[in-house]
């Protein structure tokens, strides 16, 4: 797994490396430049005879840009450095690199192109040759707020050129912590980010604007990152392969995991179907679906491999209070419970759910109407002595916590971490980027999935997958990490096969075997 840092965490690591370990800041800047050039060579190629525009701000990001310009000049590029602030604003290592650049400009031969220009107006760019490559070193990870004036005009000009662009550390104008854009941001082809991935590169517009992200090794020892307690991780395919359950030669259906699912109500038999089938698709040995008795005939025709348990029901044909004894009996049988998909918001059914939750001593995945029952009853979670996974989308999480949707979107990692730690559960907070937060404060960011998965029933498939892995012995954390990754990968494979627009939840479910096969056959993805 790769570590993910906030801008403040990365700043602390940089400062510690410089002030405590004695690593010169100018060396870190040189390492940064080397990494940017290496990223360029991987994705763009050489620069001999190419016109390279390097746009530099007044901070250390601009200093990195000046160091990159010097490197590219030595590789045969025609270099045009455009300063967007007065040179007098440069400080420290950035100023040192600027002074080196001035000396190069003065000493170069007349046939060499190495120009330094203090840009006053974007129209001045029309007097220079059209660039073949653009280096964005305007704003770094410390940028917050709005882009205005010349900075806005230059970023807008960069985006209009449709020329290969490399951003240093983060695309200028993108918030390094939230992935938000105030007014405008560079749309890069490559982003060479320093030391660690930044949270703003995995959330919101930060998933789109950076292009291909390369991590630059600054030669800061890894113990420094551990010292500052960075607990956010970016999941890779190899992490899934090593967590997958192992099936011994003498396995039988009950040794491979028993799941009891409380699911379904009129109009929502699909949720019952997909959550239970997906549990079996990932390897659960036996699944029983506890459903309202009037719906059992419907599910008999929809589900072949999943066993059905008809339960006493309310006058609205949802699971009723009189079902509790049968439910308790099957809870005792099961290794893992699924509670919620398609259960309805019926008051009596809600009381059944709350009664079960208050006495819960089994591993469980709670979703949909199971989550709705917890609204105003969250403290139940603090009393439980079992591994519990909650799988809300943003709307459900907002109802659970009273947090505004905008705060959840902007600060997803933080709010997920805080909730999981307070209530001692594993929280799978779904969305365009799904995160898995744990009771000990770790957060795992998932890289798979696509917009085609925004379809009814997709979450039910995920619920079943997580439960299926838990039933086979994986911890709630590992089951959630694997379930989320493979769910997204199945969606990606479905997209590759049929496209995003026609995708339905059953398409995702049907690609689960292919997703598992891909992970198990490949070491890297």
Protein backbone atom coordinates (compact mmCIF):
# COMPACT_ATOMS: atom_id res chain seq x y z
CA UNK A 1 0.00 0.00 0.00
CA UNK A 2 1.01 3.57 -0.61
CA UNK A 3 0.81 6.25 2.06
CA UNK A 4 -1.41 9.28 1.50
CA UNK A 5 -0.62 12.56 3.26
CA UNK A 6 -2.33 15.86 3.84
CA UNK A 7 -0.40 18.98 2.93
CA UNK A 8 0.28 19.62 6.63
CA UNK A 9 1.55 16.08 7.22
CA UNK A 10 3.90 16.35 4.25
CA UNK A 11 5.13 19.73 5.44
CA UNK A 12 5.98 18.27 8.86
CA UNK A 13 7.91 15.43 7.22
CA UNK A 14 9.86 17.86 5.02
CA UNK A 15 10.70 20.09 7.97
CA UNK A 16 11.82 17.15 10.09
CA UNK A 17 14.07 15.89 7.29
CA UNK A 18 15.67 19.32 6.96
CA UNK A 19 15.83 20.51 10.57
CA UNK A 20 16.37 17.27 12.49
CA UNK A 21 18.04 14.93 10.00
CA UNK A 22 20.08 17.67 8.40
CA UNK A 23 19.06 16.91 4.83
CA UNK A 24 19.61 20.19 2.96
CA UNK A 25 16.47 21.66 1.48
CA UNK A 26 18.32 22.32 -1.74
CA UNK A 27 19.03 18.58 -1.98
CA UNK A 28 15.32 17.79 -1.58
CA UNK A 29 14.61 20.31 -4.34
CA UNK A 30 17.20 18.67 -6.58
CA UNK A 31 15.70 15.24 -5.87
CA UNK A 32 12.31 16.69 -6.75
CA UNK A 33 13.64 17.97 -10.07
CA UNK A 34 15.19 14.61 -10.86
CA UNK A 35 11.86 12.92 -10.17
CA UNK A 36 9.93 15.31 -12.38
CA UNK A 37 12.35 14.70 -15.23
CA UNK A 38 12.11 10.95 -14.70
CA UNK A 39 8.32 11.14 -14.85
CA UNK A 40 8.58 13.17 -18.04
CA UNK A 41 10.84 10.59 -19.67
CA UNK A 42 8.41 7.80 -18.81
CA UNK A 43 5.35 9.48 -20.29
CA UNK A 44 6.56 12.16 -22.71
CA UNK A 45 10.11 11.41 -23.81
CA UNK A 46 13.14 13.59 -24.44
CA UNK A 47 13.26 17.33 -25.03
CA UNK A 48 16.13 17.79 -27.50
CA UNK A 49 15.18 20.75 -29.67
CA UNK A 50 11.78 21.04 -27.98
CA UNK A 51 10.36 24.32 -26.70
CA UNK A 52 9.64 23.97 -22.99
CA UNK A 53 7.63 26.59 -21.09
CA UNK A 54 8.19 26.51 -17.32
CA UNK A 55 5.73 28.59 -15.30
CA UNK A 56 7.01 29.37 -11.80
CA UNK A 57 5.33 30.85 -8.76
CA UNK A 58 7.15 32.46 -5.86
CA UNK A 59 7.22 29.51 -3.46
CA UNK A 60 9.18 26.27 -3.27
CA UNK A 61 7.06 24.85 -6.07
CA UNK A 62 8.49 27.57 -8.27
CA UNK A 63 11.95 26.64 -7.00
CA UNK A 64 11.31 23.06 -8.11
CA UNK A 65 10.34 24.42 -11.51
CA UNK A 66 13.58 26.38 -11.79
CA UNK A 67 15.57 23.24 -10.94
CA UNK A 68 13.61 21.27 -13.54
CA UNK A 69 14.28 23.97 -16.14
CA UNK A 70 18.01 23.68 -15.50
CA UNK A 71 17.83 19.89 -15.91
CA UNK A 72 15.87 20.09 -19.13
CA UNK A 73 18.28 22.66 -20.53
CA UNK A 74 21.14 20.22 -19.94
CA UNK A 75 19.12 17.62 -21.87
CA UNK A 76 18.91 19.82 -24.97
CA UNK A 77 15.64 21.64 -24.47
CA UNK A 78 14.86 25.21 -25.48
CA UNK A 79 13.85 26.61 -22.11
CA UNK A 80 11.55 29.54 -21.43
CA UNK A 81 11.05 30.30 -17.73
CA UNK A 82 8.11 32.56 -16.94
CA UNK A 83 8.05 34.02 -13.44
CA UNK A 84 4.55 34.97 -12.32
CA UNK A 85 5.79 37.04 -9.38
CA UNK A 86 8.63 39.46 -8.79
CA UNK A 87 11.99 37.70 -8.33
CA UNK A 88 12.37 39.55 -5.02
CA UNK A 89 9.61 37.36 -3.56
CA UNK A 90 11.70 34.21 -3.98
CA UNK A 91 13.22 32.94 -0.75
CA UNK A 92 15.66 30.26 0.40
CA UNK A 93 16.22 27.34 -1.93
CA UNK A 94 13.92 28.79 -4.59
CA UNK A 95 16.01 31.97 -4.63
CA UNK A 96 19.19 29.88 -4.85
CA UNK A 97 17.85 28.07 -7.93
CA UNK A 98 16.80 31.38 -9.46
CA UNK A 99 20.29 32.77 -9.01
CA UNK A 100 21.76 29.67 -10.69
CA UNK A 101 19.32 30.13 -13.56
CA UNK A 102 20.44 33.75 -13.97
CA UNK A 103 24.06 32.63 -14.21
CA UNK A 104 23.18 30.02 -16.82
CA UNK A 105 21.28 32.61 -18.84
CA UNK A 106 24.29 34.91 -18.75
CA UNK A 107 26.90 32.25 -19.54
CA UNK A 108 25.09 30.23 -22.24
CA UNK A 109 26.15 30.38 -25.87
CA UNK A 110 24.17 32.49 -28.30
CA UNK A 111 22.74 29.37 -29.94
CA UNK A 112 21.32 28.05 -26.67
CA UNK A 113 17.80 28.98 -25.58
CA UNK A 114 17.45 29.61 -21.85
CA UNK A 115 15.31 32.66 -21.18
CA UNK A 116 13.95 34.00 -17.89
CA UNK A 117 10.97 36.31 -18.21
CA UNK A 118 8.97 38.08 -15.53
CA UNK A 119 5.53 37.77 -17.06
CA UNK A 120 3.26 40.77 -16.58
CA UNK A 121 0.40 39.83 -18.89
CA UNK A 122 -0.62 36.56 -20.48
CA UNK A 123 -0.68 38.20 -23.92
CA UNK A 124 3.13 38.37 -23.80
CA UNK A 125 3.21 34.61 -24.37
CA UNK A 126 2.17 35.23 -27.97
CA UNK A 127 5.65 36.63 -28.69
CA UNK A 128 7.33 33.30 -27.99
CA UNK A 129 7.44 30.09 -30.03
CA UNK A 130 4.61 27.66 -29.45
CA UNK A 131 5.66 25.23 -26.69
CA UNK A 132 5.98 21.49 -27.11
CA UNK A 133 5.91 20.87 -23.36
CA UNK A 134 4.62 22.86 -20.37
CA UNK A 135 5.88 22.55 -16.79
CA UNK A 136 3.42 23.79 -14.18
CA UNK A 137 5.28 25.02 -11.08
CA UNK A 138 2.91 27.83 -10.11
CA UNK A 139 1.24 26.69 -6.88
CA UNK A 140 2.23 23.85 -4.57
CA UNK A 141 0.38 21.91 -1.90
CA UNK A 142 0.07 24.96 0.34
CA UNK A 143 -2.35 26.66 -2.04
CA UNK A 144 -5.84 27.39 -0.70
CA UNK A 145 -8.57 29.68 -1.91
CA UNK A 146 -9.12 31.36 -5.24
CA UNK A 147 -7.01 31.80 -8.35
CA UNK A 148 -7.11 35.36 -9.63
CA UNK A 149 -5.42 37.86 -11.91
CA UNK A 150 -2.38 36.78 -13.88
CA UNK A 151 -2.40 33.35 -12.24
CA UNK A 152 -5.93 32.71 -13.50
CA UNK A 153 -5.06 33.95 -16.98
CA UNK A 154 -1.95 31.76 -17.23
CA UNK A 155 -3.70 28.60 -16.02
CA UNK A 156 -6.53 29.28 -18.46
CA UNK A 157 -3.95 29.74 -21.24
CA UNK A 158 -2.22 26.46 -20.32
CA UNK A 159 -5.50 24.54 -20.49
CA UNK A 160 -6.41 26.08 -23.84
CA UNK A 161 -3.16 25.02 -25.49
CA UNK A 162 -3.89 21.26 -25.38
CA UNK A 163 -0.14 20.72 -24.99
CA UNK A 164 1.44 18.00 -22.86
CA UNK A 165 1.61 19.43 -19.35
CA UNK A 166 3.46 18.21 -16.28
CA UNK A 167 2.44 19.56 -12.89
CA UNK A 168 4.93 19.55 -10.03
CA UNK A 169 3.50 18.05 -6.83
CA UNK A 170 -0.11 18.98 -7.64
CA UNK A 171 -1.91 20.75 -10.50
CA UNK A 172 -1.91 24.47 -9.72
CA UNK A 173 -5.28 25.61 -8.40
CA UNK A 174 -6.21 22.19 -6.97
CA UNK A 175 -6.65 21.98 -3.20
CA UNK A 176 -4.12 19.40 -2.00
CA UNK A 177 -6.37 18.25 0.84
CA UNK A 178 -9.89 18.21 -0.59
CA UNK A 179 -9.40 17.80 -4.34
CA UNK A 180 -11.58 20.86 -4.89
CA UNK A 181 -11.04 23.71 -7.33
CA UNK A 182 -11.99 27.26 -6.41
CA UNK A 183 -11.97 28.95 -9.81
CA UNK A 184 -9.65 27.10 -12.17
CA UNK A 185 -6.88 24.53 -12.07
CA UNK A 186 -4.34 23.11 -14.46
CA UNK A 187 -5.49 20.01 -16.31
CA UNK A 188 -2.26 18.03 -16.38
CA UNK A 189 -1.20 14.99 -18.35
CA UNK A 190 1.29 14.00 -15.65
CA UNK A 191 1.66 15.03 -12.03
CA UNK A 192 4.94 14.27 -10.27
CA UNK A 193 3.99 14.42 -6.59
CA UNK A 194 6.66 14.71 -3.93
CA UNK A 195 7.28 12.03 -1.32
CA UNK A 196 3.73 10.78 -0.81
CA UNK A 197 0.39 10.94 -2.61
CA UNK A 198 -1.69 13.87 -1.38
CA UNK A 199 -5.30 13.43 -0.31
CA UNK A 200 -6.36 15.98 -2.92
CA UNK A 201 -5.10 13.66 -5.65
CA UNK A 202 -7.57 10.89 -4.75
CA UNK A 203 -10.74 12.89 -4.01
CA UNK A 204 -13.23 14.84 -6.12
CA UNK A 205 -11.66 16.68 -9.11
CA UNK A 206 -8.27 15.51 -7.88
CA UNK A 207 -9.05 12.16 -9.48
CA UNK A 208 -9.29 13.78 -12.92
CA UNK A 209 -7.06 16.85 -13.19
CA UNK A 210 -3.62 15.35 -12.38
CA UNK A 211 -3.51 12.84 -15.24
CA UNK A 212 -1.02 10.07 -14.56
CA UNK A 213 0.43 10.46 -11.06
CA UNK A 214 4.03 9.51 -10.33
CA UNK A 215 5.45 9.54 -6.81
CA UNK A 216 8.87 11.15 -6.54
CA UNK A 217 11.27 9.70 -3.98
CA UNK A 218 12.81 12.65 -2.15
CA UNK A 219 15.15 10.35 -0.18
CA UNK A 220 13.34 11.09 3.07
CA UNK A 221 13.69 7.92 5.20
CA UNK A 222 10.44 5.97 5.56
CA UNK A 223 10.58 6.11 9.35
CA UNK A 224 9.91 9.84 9.12
CA UNK A 225 6.46 9.18 7.67
CA UNK A 226 5.72 6.67 10.43
CA UNK A 227 6.92 9.12 13.07
CA UNK A 228 4.15 11.55 12.20
CA UNK A 229 1.48 8.87 12.37
CA UNK A 230 0.26 8.99 8.79
CA UNK A 231 -2.58 6.46 8.67
CA UNK A 232 -4.15 6.93 5.26
CA UNK A 233 -3.37 4.35 2.59
CA UNK A 234 -3.91 3.92 -1.13
CA UNK A 235 -4.84 0.33 -1.95
CA UNK A 236 -2.99 -1.54 -4.70
CA UNK A 237 -3.88 -4.79 -6.43
CA UNK A 238 -1.08 -6.73 -4.74
CA UNK A 239 -2.63 -5.81 -1.38
CA UNK A 240 -5.80 -7.63 -2.37
CA UNK A 241 -4.10 -10.78 -3.59
CA UNK A 242 -2.30 -11.34 -0.29
CA UNK A 243 -5.54 -10.87 1.69
CA UNK A 244 -7.73 -13.23 -0.30
CA UNK A 245 -9.12 -16.21 1.64
CA UNK A 246 -7.50 -19.61 1.21
CA UNK A 247 -9.68 -22.67 0.66
CA UNK A 248 -8.15 -25.89 2.09
CA UNK A 249 -8.37 -29.22 0.29
CA UNK A 250 -10.85 -30.61 2.82
CA UNK A 251 -13.24 -27.65 2.72
CA UNK A 252 -17.01 -28.13 2.88
CA UNK A 253 -19.84 -25.66 2.49
CA UNK A 254 -20.21 -24.89 6.17
CA UNK A 255 -16.48 -24.47 6.73
CA UNK A 256 -16.45 -21.85 3.95
CA UNK A 257 -18.73 -19.51 5.83
CA UNK A 258 -22.40 -19.36 6.81
CA UNK A 259 -24.34 -16.15 6.28
CA UNK A 260 -27.81 -15.27 7.50
CA UNK A 261 -29.28 -12.28 5.67
CA UNK A 262 -32.27 -10.25 6.84
CA UNK A 263 -33.40 -8.77 3.55
CA UNK A 264 -36.31 -7.89 1.31
CA UNK A 265 -39.76 -6.33 1.27
CA UNK A 266 -42.38 -5.73 -1.44
CA UNK A 267 -40.76 -4.02 -4.40
CA UNK A 268 -37.25 -4.65 -3.07
CA UNK A 269 -36.67 -8.34 -3.71
CA UNK A 270 -33.82 -7.33 -6.00
CA UNK A 271 -31.84 -6.06 -3.01
CA UNK A 272 -32.33 -9.41 -1.31
CA UNK A 273 -31.27 -11.23 -4.46
CA UNK A 274 -28.11 -9.27 -5.18
CA UNK A 275 -26.79 -9.05 -1.63
CA UNK A 276 -27.08 -12.80 -1.07
CA UNK A 277 -25.89 -13.89 -4.51
CA UNK A 278 -22.80 -11.69 -4.33
CA UNK A 279 -21.87 -13.24 -0.98
CA UNK A 280 -21.82 -16.63 -2.67
CA UNK A 281 -19.97 -15.28 -5.71
CA UNK A 282 -16.98 -14.38 -3.53
CA UNK A 283 -16.92 -17.82 -1.92
CA UNK A 284 -19.33 -18.00 1.03
CA UNK A 285 -20.33 -21.62 1.48
CA UNK A 286 -23.95 -21.27 2.58
CA UNK A 287 -26.35 -18.33 2.63
CA UNK A 288 -29.85 -18.22 4.10
CA UNK A 289 -32.08 -15.29 3.19
CA UNK A 290 -34.62 -14.46 5.89
CA UNK A 291 -37.50 -12.81 4.03
CA UNK A 292 -41.16 -11.92 4.62
CA UNK A 293 -43.15 -15.12 4.11
CA UNK A 294 -45.27 -13.71 1.30
CA UNK A 295 -42.13 -12.96 -0.70
CA UNK A 296 -40.58 -16.40 -0.32
CA UNK A 297 -42.19 -17.80 -3.52
CA UNK A 298 -40.79 -14.88 -5.51
CA UNK A 299 -37.30 -15.43 -4.16
CA UNK A 300 -37.59 -19.18 -4.74
CA UNK A 301 -37.74 -18.38 -8.43
CA UNK A 302 -35.01 -15.72 -8.31
CA UNK A 303 -32.50 -17.55 -6.12
CA UNK A 304 -31.34 -21.08 -6.79
CA UNK A 305 -28.22 -21.43 -4.65
CA UNK A 306 -29.37 -19.25 -1.75
CA UNK A 307 -31.61 -20.92 0.86
CA UNK A 308 -34.78 -19.09 1.87
CA UNK A 309 -36.34 -18.73 5.33
CA UNK A 310 -39.95 -17.44 5.26
CA UNK A 311 -40.51 -15.16 8.26
CA UNK A 312 -43.71 -13.90 9.92
CA UNK A 313 -44.58 -10.52 8.51
CA UNK A 314 -46.42 -7.27 9.13
CA UNK A 315 -49.61 -6.26 7.38
CA UNK A 316 -47.36 -4.41 4.92
CA UNK A 317 -45.59 -7.71 4.15
CA UNK A 318 -42.33 -6.73 5.80
CA UNK A 319 -40.51 -8.73 8.48
CA UNK A 320 -42.61 -8.63 11.66
CA UNK A 321 -42.05 -8.80 15.40
CA UNK A 322 -43.20 -12.41 15.57
CA UNK A 323 -40.20 -13.38 13.46
CA UNK A 324 -37.73 -12.74 16.30
CA UNK A 325 -37.51 -16.32 17.59
CA UNK A 326 -36.75 -17.72 14.14
CA UNK A 327 -34.29 -14.93 13.51
CA UNK A 328 -32.43 -15.59 16.77
CA UNK A 329 -32.20 -19.28 15.93
CA UNK A 330 -30.54 -18.53 12.60
CA UNK A 331 -28.27 -15.87 14.04
CA UNK A 332 -26.89 -18.62 16.27
CA UNK A 333 -26.28 -20.76 13.16
CA UNK A 334 -24.52 -18.06 11.15
CA UNK A 335 -20.94 -16.84 11.11
CA UNK A 336 -21.90 -13.46 9.65
CA UNK A 337 -25.10 -11.46 9.30
CA UNK A 338 -26.32 -9.18 6.54
CA UNK A 339 -28.85 -6.69 7.88
CA UNK A 340 -30.67 -4.16 5.78
CA UNK A 341 -30.91 -4.52 2.00
CA UNK A 342 -34.51 -3.95 1.01
CA UNK A 343 -36.00 -4.32 4.52
CA UNK A 344 -38.21 -1.19 4.23
CA UNK A 345 -38.80 1.64 6.68
CA UNK A 346 -41.79 -0.03 8.33
CA UNK A 347 -41.90 0.89 12.04
CA UNK A 348 -42.37 -2.68 13.31
CA UNK A 349 -39.58 -3.94 11.07
CA UNK A 350 -37.35 -1.17 12.40
CA UNK A 351 -38.05 -2.34 15.96
CA UNK A 352 -37.09 -5.88 14.95
CA UNK A 353 -33.79 -4.57 13.58
CA UNK A 354 -33.07 -2.53 16.72
CA UNK A 355 -33.86 -5.49 18.96
CA UNK A 356 -31.38 -7.61 17.03
CA UNK A 357 -28.70 -4.92 17.01
CA UNK A 358 -28.91 -4.31 20.76
CA UNK A 359 -28.03 -7.95 21.44
CA UNK A 360 -25.72 -8.52 18.50
CA UNK A 361 -22.73 -10.74 19.19
CA UNK A 362 -21.96 -11.87 15.64
CA UNK A 363 -20.03 -10.28 12.82
CA UNK A 364 -22.37 -8.22 10.68
CA UNK A 365 -22.59 -5.99 7.64
CA UNK A 366 -25.26 -3.32 8.03
CA UNK A 367 -26.58 -1.45 5.01
CA UNK A 368 -29.60 0.42 3.66
CA UNK A 369 -32.60 0.04 6.00
CA UNK A 370 -30.34 -1.41 8.66
CA UNK A 371 -28.57 1.95 8.62
CA UNK A 372 -31.89 3.81 8.64
CA UNK A 373 -32.79 2.00 11.87
CA UNK A 374 -29.62 3.35 13.46
CA UNK A 375 -30.57 6.98 12.87
CA UNK A 376 -30.88 8.49 16.39
CA UNK A 377 -29.73 5.13 17.79
CA UNK A 378 -26.01 5.20 17.01
CA UNK A 379 -24.96 4.65 20.61
CA UNK A 380 -26.08 1.04 20.25
CA UNK A 381 -22.86 0.52 18.29
CA UNK A 382 -20.74 1.50 21.29
CA UNK A 383 -22.19 -1.36 23.34
CA UNK A 384 -21.44 -4.15 20.86
CA UNK A 385 -18.65 -6.67 21.17
CA UNK A 386 -18.48 -7.84 17.57
CA UNK A 387 -16.92 -6.86 14.25
CA UNK A 388 -19.42 -4.57 12.57
CA UNK A 389 -19.22 -3.05 9.09
CA UNK A 390 -21.44 -0.15 8.07
CA UNK A 391 -21.72 0.66 4.35
CA UNK A 392 -23.47 4.03 3.89
CA UNK A 393 -23.40 6.27 0.86
CA UNK A 394 -23.09 10.01 1.47
CA UNK A 395 -26.83 10.54 1.96
CA UNK A 396 -27.16 7.72 4.48
CA UNK A 397 -24.07 8.90 6.33
CA UNK A 398 -25.49 12.41 6.49
CA UNK A 399 -28.70 11.08 8.03
CA UNK A 400 -26.72 9.03 10.54
CA UNK A 401 -24.47 11.87 11.64
CA UNK A 402 -26.35 15.10 10.80
CA UNK A 403 -23.23 16.20 8.91
CA UNK A 404 -23.88 18.34 5.82
CA UNK A 405 -23.32 16.56 2.52
CA UNK A 406 -20.82 19.22 1.48
CA UNK A 407 -18.66 18.56 4.54
CA UNK A 408 -18.75 14.82 3.87
CA UNK A 409 -17.72 15.39 0.26
CA UNK A 410 -14.89 17.80 1.07
CA UNK A 411 -13.55 16.05 4.15
CA UNK A 412 -14.48 12.45 3.47
CA UNK A 413 -11.36 10.85 4.90
CA UNK A 414 -11.49 12.85 8.13
CA UNK A 415 -15.20 12.34 8.84
CA UNK A 416 -14.96 8.62 8.08
CA UNK A 417 -11.96 8.23 10.37
CA UNK A 418 -13.63 10.14 13.22
CA UNK A 419 -16.83 8.08 12.98
CA UNK A 420 -15.09 4.70 12.88
CA UNK A 421 -12.95 5.58 15.88
CA UNK A 422 -15.86 6.94 17.93
CA UNK A 423 -18.23 4.03 17.31
CA UNK A 424 -15.62 1.26 17.04
CA UNK A 425 -16.86 -0.01 13.69
CA UNK A 426 -15.46 -0.44 10.22
CA UNK A 427 -17.02 2.25 8.05
CA UNK A 428 -17.21 1.79 4.30
CA UNK A 429 -18.16 5.27 3.11
CA UNK A 430 -19.21 4.82 -0.49
CA UNK A 431 -19.01 7.26 -3.37
CA UNK A 432 -16.96 8.08 -6.45
CA UNK A 433 -14.02 7.39 -4.13
CA UNK A 434 -14.91 4.79 -1.51
CA UNK A 435 -12.93 4.74 1.72
CA UNK A 436 -12.66 2.11 4.44
CA UNK A 437 -12.14 3.58 7.92
CA UNK A 438 -11.16 1.47 10.92
CA UNK A 439 -11.58 1.79 14.70
CA UNK A 440 -7.82 2.38 15.14
CA UNK A 441 -7.84 5.40 12.83
CA UNK A 442 -6.57 3.89 9.60
CA UNK A 443 -8.29 4.85 6.35
CA UNK A 444 -7.91 2.89 3.11
CA UNK A 445 -8.69 4.69 -0.15
CA UNK A 446 -9.95 2.53 -2.99
CA UNK A 447 -8.75 3.17 -6.56
CA UNK A 448 -11.21 1.04 -8.55
CA UNK A 449 -14.67 1.80 -9.90
CA UNK A 450 -16.30 4.14 -12.42
CA UNK A 451 -19.42 6.30 -12.91
CA UNK A 452 -21.29 3.43 -14.56
CA UNK A 453 -21.61 1.86 -11.12
CA UNK A 454 -23.96 4.65 -10.01
CA UNK A 455 -26.94 2.36 -10.47
CA UNK A 456 -29.58 0.86 -8.20
CA UNK A 457 -28.43 -2.32 -6.48
CA UNK A 458 -24.71 -1.68 -6.79
CA UNK A 459 -24.44 -1.15 -3.03
CA UNK A 460 -26.32 -4.39 -2.35
CA UNK A 461 -23.71 -6.27 -4.35
CA UNK A 462 -20.95 -4.69 -2.27
CA UNK A 463 -22.68 -5.56 1.01
CA UNK A 464 -22.83 -9.21 0.05
CA UNK A 465 -19.22 -9.28 -1.11
CA UNK A 466 -17.94 -7.90 2.20
CA UNK A 467 -20.08 -10.34 4.17
CA UNK A 468 -18.89 -13.21 1.99
CA UNK A 469 -15.26 -12.45 2.73
CA UNK A 470 -15.94 -12.05 6.45
CA UNK A 471 -17.68 -15.43 6.49
CA UNK A 472 -14.52 -17.02 5.09
CA UNK A 473 -12.46 -15.75 8.01
CA UNK A 474 -11.21 -12.35 6.88
CA UNK A 475 -11.28 -9.59 9.45
CA UNK A 476 -13.88 -6.89 8.98
CA UNK A 477 -11.14 -4.54 7.79
CA UNK A 478 -9.59 -6.93 5.27
CA UNK A 479 -13.00 -8.10 4.05
CA UNK A 480 -14.01 -4.49 3.46
CA UNK A 481 -10.78 -3.61 1.66
CA UNK A 482 -11.07 -6.68 -0.59
CA UNK A 483 -14.80 -6.30 -1.13
CA UNK A 484 -14.57 -2.64 -2.10
CA UNK A 485 -11.59 -3.14 -4.42
CA UNK A 486 -13.07 -6.18 -6.20
CA UNK A 487 -16.50 -4.56 -6.42
CA UNK A 488 -14.93 -1.59 -8.21
CA UNK A 489 -12.80 -3.84 -10.38
CA UNK A 490 -15.86 -5.88 -11.38
CA UNK A 491 -17.48 -2.59 -12.36
CA UNK A 492 -14.42 -1.61 -14.38
CA UNK A 493 -14.47 -4.94 -16.20
CA UNK A 494 -18.20 -4.54 -16.89
CA UNK A 495 -17.50 -1.05 -18.27
CA UNK A 496 -14.81 -2.44 -20.55
CA UNK A 497 -17.27 -5.03 -21.82
CA UNK A 498 -20.51 -3.08 -22.22
CA UNK A 499 -19.75 0.58 -21.41
CA UNK A 500 -20.85 2.76 -18.51
CA UNK A 501 -24.36 3.80 -19.58
CA UNK A 502 -25.94 0.33 -19.93
CA UNK A 503 -24.37 -1.00 -16.72
CA UNK A 504 -26.69 -2.48 -14.09
CA UNK A 505 -25.94 -4.05 -10.75
CA UNK A 506 -26.27 -7.59 -12.11
CA UNK A 507 -23.57 -6.76 -14.66
CA UNK A 508 -21.26 -5.94 -11.77
CA UNK A 509 -22.25 -9.10 -9.91
CA UNK A 510 -21.64 -11.26 -12.98
CA UNK A 511 -18.10 -9.87 -13.36
CA UNK A 512 -17.05 -10.76 -9.80
CA UNK A 513 -15.41 -14.05 -10.89
CA UNK A 514 -13.41 -12.21 -13.57
CA UNK A 515 -12.31 -9.60 -11.04
CA UNK A 516 -11.12 -12.27 -8.61
CA UNK A 517 -9.35 -14.11 -11.41
CA UNK A 518 -7.58 -10.94 -12.53
CA UNK A 519 -6.30 -10.23 -9.03
CA UNK A 520 -5.16 -13.77 -8.37
CA UNK A 521 -3.35 -14.11 -11.70
CA UNK A 522 -1.58 -10.76 -11.69
CA UNK A 523 0.89 -9.47 -9.13
CA UNK A 524 0.33 -5.86 -10.12
CA UNK A 525 -2.54 -3.99 -11.67
